[in-house]
């Protein structure tokens, strides 16, 4: 479908409005929380009968504890060595970006390792895992309350799915793990209602930046990606595409200093086009 200039302008304005809604425009509006309607579950129920406990002995990892060095070293990586990632490294990434530290109240909110508007944490994490010690290649779902993984489906060759689900970005198919983030809509809408979606855009940045920093601190690399075939991902992970849908992802893998030139080659067009 080819868009006209007018249609493009209308879509841009519609997108801007999500970010800039003034709550005073809708005086008297009440969210479901304010209306005392039942709160949705804090996390999604397990999708399988069994799960894999993830290790928490992070003192066995070589972690860069110089915070400023980690900040200054953090950048996007799209070249991966395809060496094996350890289960402990994967566990560390999940803990640093979605780990549950405590429950607030009886079951009002999860307090996690990453900020979240109203402590709603409306995301679920699905993973395409390949070349990780102790895990079969396949599709997984993270259970943050237990810090477990559940295997949804084993599949030896994930490369076609990864590259296709990221709209043809074939570099991502060499990552050890791709984190696919779904938005569980009502988990945020219960508290924020018609304003929920603006807050969730900020929350997505909170989560992936923690992945970036955690990966950097243990010598891994990754790159957050917004070009995702949501329909394909929803089908793969068994989501309805309406109340829960994949909207963002982040490949992470083993990296090497010797690949710096290959990383620079992704931006060769800047020099070639004189930008």
C-alpha atoms as a PDB file:
ATOM      1  CA  UNK A   1       0.000   0.000   0.000  1.00  0.00           C
ATOM      2  CA  UNK A   2       1.479   3.308  -1.078  1.00  0.00           C
ATOM      3  CA  UNK A   3       0.752   6.172   1.311  1.00  0.00           C
ATOM      4  CA  UNK A   4      -0.036   9.664   0.154  1.00  0.00           C
ATOM      5  CA  UNK A   5       1.735  12.649   1.716  1.00  0.00           C
ATOM      6  CA  UNK A   6      -1.497  13.497   3.549  1.00  0.00           C
ATOM      7  CA  UNK A   7      -1.815   9.981   4.965  1.00  0.00           C
ATOM      8  CA  UNK A   8       1.811  10.080   6.100  1.00  0.00           C
ATOM      9  CA  UNK A   9       1.248  13.409   7.856  1.00  0.00           C
ATOM     10  CA  UNK A  10      -1.884  12.090   9.583  1.00  0.00           C
ATOM     11  CA  UNK A  11      -0.083   8.983  10.808  1.00  0.00           C
ATOM     12  CA  UNK A  12       2.800  11.067  12.132  1.00  0.00           C
ATOM     13  CA  UNK A  13       0.384  13.330  14.022  1.00  0.00           C
ATOM     14  CA  UNK A  14      -1.424  10.292  15.419  1.00  0.00           C
ATOM     15  CA  UNK A  15       1.879   8.854  16.628  1.00  0.00           C
ATOM     16  CA  UNK A  16       2.891  12.127  18.250  1.00  0.00           C
ATOM     17  CA  UNK A  17      -0.393  12.337  20.109  1.00  0.00           C
ATOM     18  CA  UNK A  18       0.393   9.161  22.068  1.00  0.00           C
ATOM     19  CA  UNK A  19       3.431  10.914  23.532  1.00  0.00           C
ATOM     20  CA  UNK A  20       1.841  14.249  24.182  1.00  0.00           C
ATOM     21  CA  UNK A  21      -1.640  13.655  25.569  1.00  0.00           C
ATOM     22  CA  UNK A  22      -2.537  16.253  28.191  1.00  0.00           C
ATOM     23  CA  UNK A  23      -4.457  14.613  31.029  1.00  0.00           C
ATOM     24  CA  UNK A  24      -6.363  17.850  31.591  1.00  0.00           C
ATOM     25  CA  UNK A  25      -8.142  17.230  28.288  1.00  0.00           C
ATOM     26  CA  UNK A  26     -10.134  14.412  29.880  1.00  0.00           C
ATOM     27  CA  UNK A  27     -11.095  15.737  33.293  1.00  0.00           C
ATOM     28  CA  UNK A  28     -13.142  13.220  35.225  1.00  0.00           C
ATOM     29  CA  UNK A  29     -11.657  10.233  33.424  1.00  0.00           C
ATOM     30  CA  UNK A  30     -10.919   7.349  35.787  1.00  0.00           C
ATOM     31  CA  UNK A  31      -8.726   4.324  35.250  1.00  0.00           C
ATOM     32  CA  UNK A  32      -9.814   0.830  36.217  1.00  0.00           C
ATOM     33  CA  UNK A  33      -7.569   1.049  39.271  1.00  0.00           C
ATOM     34  CA  UNK A  34      -9.392   4.194  40.373  1.00  0.00           C
ATOM     35  CA  UNK A  35     -12.696   2.457  39.710  1.00  0.00           C
ATOM     36  CA  UNK A  36     -11.571  -0.382  42.042  1.00  0.00           C
ATOM     37  CA  UNK A  37     -11.790  -3.016  39.331  1.00  0.00           C
ATOM     38  CA  UNK A  38      -9.786  -6.220  39.866  1.00  0.00           C
ATOM     39  CA  UNK A  39      -6.065  -5.933  39.265  1.00  0.00           C
ATOM     40  CA  UNK A  40      -4.579  -8.110  36.508  1.00  0.00           C
ATOM     41  CA  UNK A  41      -1.915 -10.698  37.422  1.00  0.00           C
ATOM     42  CA  UNK A  42       1.597  -9.349  37.974  1.00  0.00           C
ATOM     43  CA  UNK A  43       3.096 -11.880  35.580  1.00  0.00           C
ATOM     44  CA  UNK A  44       1.914 -14.368  33.026  1.00  0.00           C
ATOM     45  CA  UNK A  45       1.198 -17.886  34.211  1.00  0.00           C
ATOM     46  CA  UNK A  46       3.650 -20.612  33.126  1.00  0.00           C
ATOM     47  CA  UNK A  47       2.888 -21.934  29.661  1.00  0.00           C
ATOM     48  CA  UNK A  48       4.364 -25.398  30.302  1.00  0.00           C
ATOM     49  CA  UNK A  49       4.328 -27.895  33.177  1.00  0.00           C
ATOM     50  CA  UNK A  50       8.087 -27.830  33.781  1.00  0.00           C
ATOM     51  CA  UNK A  51      10.786 -25.173  33.888  1.00  0.00           C
ATOM     52  CA  UNK A  52      14.548 -24.792  34.263  1.00  0.00           C
ATOM     53  CA  UNK A  53      15.995 -23.049  37.332  1.00  0.00           C
ATOM     54  CA  UNK A  54      18.579 -20.434  36.384  1.00  0.00           C
ATOM     55  CA  UNK A  55      21.783 -20.053  38.443  1.00  0.00           C
ATOM     56  CA  UNK A  56      22.253 -16.971  40.604  1.00  0.00           C
ATOM     57  CA  UNK A  57      25.898 -17.355  41.655  1.00  0.00           C
ATOM     58  CA  UNK A  58      26.965 -14.282  39.723  1.00  0.00           C
ATOM     59  CA  UNK A  59      30.147 -13.967  41.784  1.00  0.00           C
ATOM     60  CA  UNK A  60      31.566 -16.625  39.429  1.00  0.00           C
ATOM     61  CA  UNK A  61      31.337 -14.176  36.522  1.00  0.00           C
ATOM     62  CA  UNK A  62      34.071 -11.688  35.693  1.00  0.00           C
ATOM     63  CA  UNK A  63      32.042  -8.500  36.021  1.00  0.00           C
ATOM     64  CA  UNK A  64      33.359  -5.021  35.261  1.00  0.00           C
ATOM     65  CA  UNK A  65      32.368  -3.123  38.399  1.00  0.00           C
ATOM     66  CA  UNK A  66      33.724   0.213  37.148  1.00  0.00           C
ATOM     67  CA  UNK A  67      30.393   1.844  36.375  1.00  0.00           C
ATOM     68  CA  UNK A  68      31.811   4.747  34.383  1.00  0.00           C
ATOM     69  CA  UNK A  69      33.888   2.349  32.279  1.00  0.00           C
ATOM     70  CA  UNK A  70      30.773   0.269  31.529  1.00  0.00           C
ATOM     71  CA  UNK A  71      28.833   3.404  30.559  1.00  0.00           C
ATOM     72  CA  UNK A  72      31.602   4.626  28.291  1.00  0.00           C
ATOM     73  CA  UNK A  73      32.114   1.175  26.739  1.00  0.00           C
ATOM     74  CA  UNK A  74      28.458   0.503  25.995  1.00  0.00           C
ATOM     75  CA  UNK A  75      27.522   0.544  22.336  1.00  0.00           C
ATOM     76  CA  UNK A  76      25.524  -1.521  19.885  1.00  0.00           C
ATOM     77  CA  UNK A  77      27.123  -4.714  18.566  1.00  0.00           C
ATOM     78  CA  UNK A  78      25.948  -6.550  15.451  1.00  0.00           C
ATOM     79  CA  UNK A  79      28.875  -8.937  14.937  1.00  0.00           C
ATOM     80  CA  UNK A  80      28.973 -12.107  17.050  1.00  0.00           C
ATOM     81  CA  UNK A  81      31.637 -14.805  17.255  1.00  0.00           C
ATOM     82  CA  UNK A  82      29.163 -17.690  17.708  1.00  0.00           C
ATOM     83  CA  UNK A  83      31.154 -19.026  20.659  1.00  0.00           C
ATOM     84  CA  UNK A  84      29.011 -20.641  23.330  1.00  0.00           C
ATOM     85  CA  UNK A  85      27.359 -18.433  25.935  1.00  0.00           C
ATOM     86  CA  UNK A  86      27.140 -19.906  29.422  1.00  0.00           C
ATOM     87  CA  UNK A  87      23.852 -20.449  31.195  1.00  0.00           C
ATOM     88  CA  UNK A  88      25.142 -18.208  33.995  1.00  0.00           C
ATOM     89  CA  UNK A  89      25.724 -15.358  31.531  1.00  0.00           C
ATOM     90  CA  UNK A  90      22.195 -15.712  30.168  1.00  0.00           C
ATOM     91  CA  UNK A  91      20.815 -15.846  33.711  1.00  0.00           C
ATOM     92  CA  UNK A  92      22.703 -12.641  34.577  1.00  0.00           C
ATOM     93  CA  UNK A  93      21.228 -10.806  31.584  1.00  0.00           C
ATOM     94  CA  UNK A  94      17.697 -11.853  32.532  1.00  0.00           C
ATOM     95  CA  UNK A  95      18.169 -11.000  36.200  1.00  0.00           C
ATOM     96  CA  UNK A  96      19.643  -7.568  35.457  1.00  0.00           C
ATOM     97  CA  UNK A  97      16.818  -6.640  33.096  1.00  0.00           C
ATOM     98  CA  UNK A  98      13.672  -8.277  34.539  1.00  0.00           C
ATOM     99  CA  UNK A  99      14.587  -9.909  37.860  1.00  0.00           C
ATOM    100  CA  UNK A 100      12.043  -9.637  40.698  1.00  0.00           C
ATOM    101  CA  UNK A 101      13.656  -8.380  43.914  1.00  0.00           C
ATOM    102  CA  UNK A 102      10.498  -8.244  46.045  1.00  0.00           C
ATOM    103  CA  UNK A 103       6.707  -8.029  46.005  1.00  0.00           C
ATOM    104  CA  UNK A 104       5.108  -4.791  47.172  1.00  0.00           C
ATOM    105  CA  UNK A 105       2.094  -5.334  49.421  1.00  0.00           C
ATOM    106  CA  UNK A 106       0.288  -8.677  49.269  1.00  0.00           C
ATOM    107  CA  UNK A 107       0.472  -8.805  45.481  1.00  0.00           C
ATOM    108  CA  UNK A 108       0.210  -5.194  44.365  1.00  0.00           C
ATOM    109  CA  UNK A 109       3.437  -4.865  42.383  1.00  0.00           C
ATOM    110  CA  UNK A 110       6.788  -6.414  41.584  1.00  0.00           C
ATOM    111  CA  UNK A 111       9.908  -4.458  42.482  1.00  0.00           C
ATOM    112  CA  UNK A 112      12.445  -5.355  39.834  1.00  0.00           C
ATOM    113  CA  UNK A 113      16.011  -4.675  38.797  1.00  0.00           C
ATOM    114  CA  UNK A 114      14.726  -2.195  36.201  1.00  0.00           C
ATOM    115  CA  UNK A 115      12.367   0.804  36.596  1.00  0.00           C
ATOM    116  CA  UNK A 116       8.760   0.539  35.455  1.00  0.00           C
ATOM    117  CA  UNK A 117       5.956   3.104  35.464  1.00  0.00           C
ATOM    118  CA  UNK A 118       3.774   2.490  38.518  1.00  0.00           C
ATOM    119  CA  UNK A 119       5.736  -0.728  39.055  1.00  0.00           C
ATOM    120  CA  UNK A 120       3.426  -2.342  36.483  1.00  0.00           C
ATOM    121  CA  UNK A 121       6.206  -3.996  34.445  1.00  0.00           C
ATOM    122  CA  UNK A 122       3.884  -4.815  31.536  1.00  0.00           C
ATOM    123  CA  UNK A 123       6.371  -6.867  29.508  1.00  0.00           C
ATOM    124  CA  UNK A 124       6.932 -10.583  29.123  1.00  0.00           C
ATOM    125  CA  UNK A 125      10.223 -11.932  27.778  1.00  0.00           C
ATOM    126  CA  UNK A 126      10.363 -14.661  25.147  1.00  0.00           C
ATOM    127  CA  UNK A 127      13.674 -15.915  23.837  1.00  0.00           C
ATOM    128  CA  UNK A 128      15.138 -17.578  20.774  1.00  0.00           C
ATOM    129  CA  UNK A 129      18.163 -19.389  22.203  1.00  0.00           C
ATOM    130  CA  UNK A 130      20.960 -21.049  20.290  1.00  0.00           C
ATOM    131  CA  UNK A 131      24.435 -22.057  21.342  1.00  0.00           C
ATOM    132  CA  UNK A 132      23.952 -21.630  25.100  1.00  0.00           C
ATOM    133  CA  UNK A 133      25.545 -24.221  27.375  1.00  0.00           C
ATOM    134  CA  UNK A 134      23.033 -26.518  29.054  1.00  0.00           C
ATOM    135  CA  UNK A 135      20.055 -25.502  26.897  1.00  0.00           C
ATOM    136  CA  UNK A 136      18.660 -27.042  23.747  1.00  0.00           C
ATOM    137  CA  UNK A 137      18.241 -24.636  20.857  1.00  0.00           C
ATOM    138  CA  UNK A 138      14.693 -23.404  20.738  1.00  0.00           C
ATOM    139  CA  UNK A 139      12.058 -20.968  21.935  1.00  0.00           C
ATOM    140  CA  UNK A 140      11.682 -20.110  25.631  1.00  0.00           C
ATOM    141  CA  UNK A 141       9.658 -17.984  28.056  1.00  0.00           C
ATOM    142  CA  UNK A 142      11.126 -16.329  31.156  1.00  0.00           C
ATOM    143  CA  UNK A 143       9.361 -16.789  34.509  1.00  0.00           C
ATOM    144  CA  UNK A 144      10.565 -13.817  36.580  1.00  0.00           C
ATOM    145  CA  UNK A 145       8.902 -14.790  39.865  1.00  0.00           C
ATOM    146  CA  UNK A 146      10.984 -17.977  40.037  1.00  0.00           C
ATOM    147  CA  UNK A 147      13.871 -16.879  37.810  1.00  0.00           C
ATOM    148  CA  UNK A 148      13.248 -19.906  35.638  1.00  0.00           C
ATOM    149  CA  UNK A 149      13.062 -20.544  31.906  1.00  0.00           C
ATOM    150  CA  UNK A 150      10.445 -22.750  30.307  1.00  0.00           C
ATOM    151  CA  UNK A 151      11.062 -24.329  26.934  1.00  0.00           C
ATOM    152  CA  UNK A 152       8.161 -23.736  24.569  1.00  0.00           C
ATOM    153  CA  UNK A 153       9.637 -25.613  21.635  1.00  0.00           C
ATOM    154  CA  UNK A 154      13.004 -27.120  20.763  1.00  0.00           C
ATOM    155  CA  UNK A 155      14.273 -26.273  17.299  1.00  0.00           C
ATOM    156  CA  UNK A 156      17.803 -26.867  16.087  1.00  0.00           C
ATOM    157  CA  UNK A 157      18.058 -24.194  13.385  1.00  0.00           C
ATOM    158  CA  UNK A 158      16.704 -20.837  14.523  1.00  0.00           C
ATOM    159  CA  UNK A 159      18.572 -18.659  12.043  1.00  0.00           C
ATOM    160  CA  UNK A 160      15.783 -18.428   9.413  1.00  0.00           C
ATOM    161  CA  UNK A 161      13.223 -17.424  12.054  1.00  0.00           C
ATOM    162  CA  UNK A 162      15.492 -14.860  13.695  1.00  0.00           C
ATOM    163  CA  UNK A 163      16.452 -13.067  10.490  1.00  0.00           C
ATOM    164  CA  UNK A 164      12.899 -13.167   9.096  1.00  0.00           C
ATOM    165  CA  UNK A 165      11.301 -12.021  12.363  1.00  0.00           C
ATOM    166  CA  UNK A 166      13.685  -9.039  12.368  1.00  0.00           C
ATOM    167  CA  UNK A 167      12.638  -8.000   8.874  1.00  0.00           C
ATOM    168  CA  UNK A 168      15.638  -9.529   7.108  1.00  0.00           C
ATOM    169  CA  UNK A 169      18.398  -8.373   9.464  1.00  0.00           C
ATOM    170  CA  UNK A 170      20.529 -11.471   8.950  1.00  0.00           C
ATOM    171  CA  UNK A 171      23.325 -10.328  11.275  1.00  0.00           C
ATOM    172  CA  UNK A 172      21.040 -11.061  14.248  1.00  0.00           C
ATOM    173  CA  UNK A 173      20.865 -14.764  13.343  1.00  0.00           C
ATOM    174  CA  UNK A 174      24.385 -15.229  14.762  1.00  0.00           C
ATOM    175  CA  UNK A 175      23.405 -14.027  18.239  1.00  0.00           C
ATOM    176  CA  UNK A 176      23.338 -16.559  21.083  1.00  0.00           C
ATOM    177  CA  UNK A 177      20.002 -15.251  22.286  1.00  0.00           C
ATOM    178  CA  UNK A 178      17.341 -12.905  20.981  1.00  0.00           C
ATOM    179  CA  UNK A 179      15.075 -11.361  23.603  1.00  0.00           C
ATOM    180  CA  UNK A 180      11.570 -10.765  22.245  1.00  0.00           C
ATOM    181  CA  UNK A 181       9.542  -8.384  24.416  1.00  0.00           C
ATOM    182  CA  UNK A 182       5.765  -8.574  24.449  1.00  0.00           C
ATOM    183  CA  UNK A 183       3.412  -5.948  25.832  1.00  0.00           C
ATOM    184  CA  UNK A 184       0.680  -7.343  28.105  1.00  0.00           C
ATOM    185  CA  UNK A 185      -1.637  -4.412  27.563  1.00  0.00           C
ATOM    186  CA  UNK A 186      -4.053  -4.484  30.481  1.00  0.00           C
ATOM    187  CA  UNK A 187      -1.263  -4.851  33.026  1.00  0.00           C
ATOM    188  CA  UNK A 188      -0.418  -1.200  32.279  1.00  0.00           C
ATOM    189  CA  UNK A 189      -3.880  -0.040  31.196  1.00  0.00           C
ATOM    190  CA  UNK A 190      -5.437  -1.064  34.520  1.00  0.00           C
ATOM    191  CA  UNK A 191      -3.409   1.668  36.232  1.00  0.00           C
ATOM    192  CA  UNK A 192      -2.895   4.226  33.443  1.00  0.00           C
ATOM    193  CA  UNK A 193      -5.833   3.576  31.117  1.00  0.00           C
ATOM    194  CA  UNK A 194      -5.739   5.769  28.016  1.00  0.00           C
ATOM    195  CA  UNK A 195      -2.325   7.118  29.049  1.00  0.00           C
ATOM    196  CA  UNK A 196      -0.654   3.716  29.436  1.00  0.00           C
ATOM    197  CA  UNK A 197       1.004   3.507  26.050  1.00  0.00           C
ATOM    198  CA  UNK A 198       3.185   6.580  26.444  1.00  0.00           C
ATOM    199  CA  UNK A 199       4.630   5.228  29.688  1.00  0.00           C
ATOM    200  CA  UNK A 200       5.324   1.844  28.110  1.00  0.00           C
ATOM    201  CA  UNK A 201       7.555   3.399  25.466  1.00  0.00           C
ATOM    202  CA  UNK A 202       9.771   4.705  28.267  1.00  0.00           C
ATOM    203  CA  UNK A 203       9.673   1.365  30.073  1.00  0.00           C
ATOM    204  CA  UNK A 204      10.925  -0.462  26.968  1.00  0.00           C
ATOM    205  CA  UNK A 205      13.987   1.770  27.015  1.00  0.00           C
ATOM    206  CA  UNK A 206      14.562   1.068  30.698  1.00  0.00           C
ATOM    207  CA  UNK A 207      14.612  -2.683  30.074  1.00  0.00           C
ATOM    208  CA  UNK A 208      16.852  -2.773  27.022  1.00  0.00           C
ATOM    209  CA  UNK A 209      19.339  -0.292  28.465  1.00  0.00           C
ATOM    210  CA  UNK A 210      19.794  -2.649  31.413  1.00  0.00           C
ATOM    211  CA  UNK A 211      20.467  -5.455  28.925  1.00  0.00           C
ATOM    212  CA  UNK A 212      23.046  -3.250  27.192  1.00  0.00           C
ATOM    213  CA  UNK A 213      24.812  -2.405  30.457  1.00  0.00           C
ATOM    214  CA  UNK A 214      24.681  -5.940  31.848  1.00  0.00           C
ATOM    215  CA  UNK A 215      26.032  -7.363  28.589  1.00  0.00           C
ATOM    216  CA  UNK A 216      28.833  -4.790  28.485  1.00  0.00           C
ATOM    217  CA  UNK A 217      29.809  -5.541  32.067  1.00  0.00           C
ATOM    218  CA  UNK A 218      30.562  -9.206  31.227  1.00  0.00           C
ATOM    219  CA  UNK A 219      32.064  -8.730  27.781  1.00  0.00           C
ATOM    220  CA  UNK A 220      28.997  -9.499  25.662  1.00  0.00           C
ATOM    221  CA  UNK A 221      27.327  -7.286  23.071  1.00  0.00           C
ATOM    222  CA  UNK A 222      23.886  -6.640  21.707  1.00  0.00           C
ATOM    223  CA  UNK A 223      21.701  -4.287  19.711  1.00  0.00           C
ATOM    224  CA  UNK A 224      18.079  -3.371  20.400  1.00  0.00           C
ATOM    225  CA  UNK A 225      15.861  -3.638  17.310  1.00  0.00           C
ATOM    226  CA  UNK A 226      12.504  -2.037  16.597  1.00  0.00           C
ATOM    227  CA  UNK A 227      12.015  -3.590  13.141  1.00  0.00           C
ATOM    228  CA  UNK A 228      10.117  -6.691  14.254  1.00  0.00           C
ATOM    229  CA  UNK A 229       7.523  -8.779  12.406  1.00  0.00           C
ATOM    230  CA  UNK A 230       5.062  -8.779  15.272  1.00  0.00           C
ATOM    231  CA  UNK A 231       2.541 -11.097  13.647  1.00  0.00           C
ATOM    232  CA  UNK A 232       5.193 -13.730  12.957  1.00  0.00           C
ATOM    233  CA  UNK A 233       6.513 -13.507  16.524  1.00  0.00           C
ATOM    234  CA  UNK A 234       3.051 -13.652  18.084  1.00  0.00           C
ATOM    235  CA  UNK A 235       2.284 -16.817  16.158  1.00  0.00           C
ATOM    236  CA  UNK A 236       5.585 -18.417  17.155  1.00  0.00           C
ATOM    237  CA  UNK A 237       5.156 -17.682  20.867  1.00  0.00           C
ATOM    238  CA  UNK A 238       1.414 -18.395  20.974  1.00  0.00           C
ATOM    239  CA  UNK A 239       0.203 -14.843  21.647  1.00  0.00           C
ATOM    240  CA  UNK A 240      -3.197 -13.487  20.635  1.00  0.00           C
ATOM    241  CA  UNK A 241      -1.752 -10.347  19.033  1.00  0.00           C
ATOM    242  CA  UNK A 242      -4.323  -8.088  20.693  1.00  0.00           C
ATOM    243  CA  UNK A 243      -4.100  -8.364  24.490  1.00  0.00           C
ATOM    244  CA  UNK A 244      -0.448  -9.408  24.233  1.00  0.00           C
ATOM    245  CA  UNK A 245       1.895  -8.851  21.316  1.00  0.00           C
ATOM    246  CA  UNK A 246       5.626  -8.705  20.559  1.00  0.00           C
ATOM    247  CA  UNK A 247       6.826  -5.197  19.731  1.00  0.00           C
ATOM    248  CA  UNK A 248      10.567  -5.019  20.433  1.00  0.00           C
ATOM    249  CA  UNK A 249      13.594  -7.280  20.594  1.00  0.00           C
ATOM    250  CA  UNK A 250      17.292  -7.427  21.368  1.00  0.00           C
ATOM    251  CA  UNK A 251      19.864  -9.905  20.041  1.00  0.00           C
ATOM    252  CA  UNK A 252      22.861 -10.522  22.340  1.00  0.00           C
ATOM    253  CA  UNK A 253      25.938 -12.615  21.701  1.00  0.00           C
ATOM    254  CA  UNK A 254      29.613 -13.243  22.247  1.00  0.00           C
ATOM    255  CA  UNK A 255      31.837 -10.557  20.735  1.00  0.00           C
ATOM    256  CA  UNK A 256      35.516 -10.038  19.953  1.00  0.00           C
ATOM    257  CA  UNK A 257      37.715  -6.940  19.836  1.00  0.00           C
ATOM    258  CA  UNK A 258      39.119  -8.259  16.545  1.00  0.00           C
ATOM    259  CA  UNK A 259      35.725  -7.632  14.904  1.00  0.00           C
ATOM    260  CA  UNK A 260      35.803  -3.849  15.356  1.00  0.00           C
ATOM    261  CA  UNK A 261      36.308  -3.245  11.630  1.00  0.00           C
ATOM    262  CA  UNK A 262      33.327  -5.462  10.792  1.00  0.00           C
ATOM    263  CA  UNK A 263      31.246  -3.388  13.211  1.00  0.00           C
ATOM    264  CA  UNK A 264      32.400  -0.183  11.511  1.00  0.00           C
ATOM    265  CA  UNK A 265      31.444  -1.646   8.139  1.00  0.00           C
ATOM    266  CA  UNK A 266      27.776  -1.383   9.127  1.00  0.00           C
ATOM    267  CA  UNK A 267      28.211   2.394   8.942  1.00  0.00           C
ATOM    268  CA  UNK A 268      30.370   2.529   5.818  1.00  0.00           C
ATOM    269  CA  UNK A 269      27.493   4.298   4.039  1.00  0.00           C
ATOM    270  CA  UNK A 270      28.119   7.351   6.250  1.00  0.00           C
ATOM    271  CA  UNK A 271      31.525   7.865   4.702  1.00  0.00           C
ATOM    272  CA  UNK A 272      30.502   6.771   1.218  1.00  0.00           C
ATOM    273  CA  UNK A 273      27.598   9.209   1.113  1.00  0.00           C
ATOM    274  CA  UNK A 274      29.486  11.988   2.900  1.00  0.00           C
ATOM    275  CA  UNK A 275      26.948  12.239   5.718  1.00  0.00           C
END
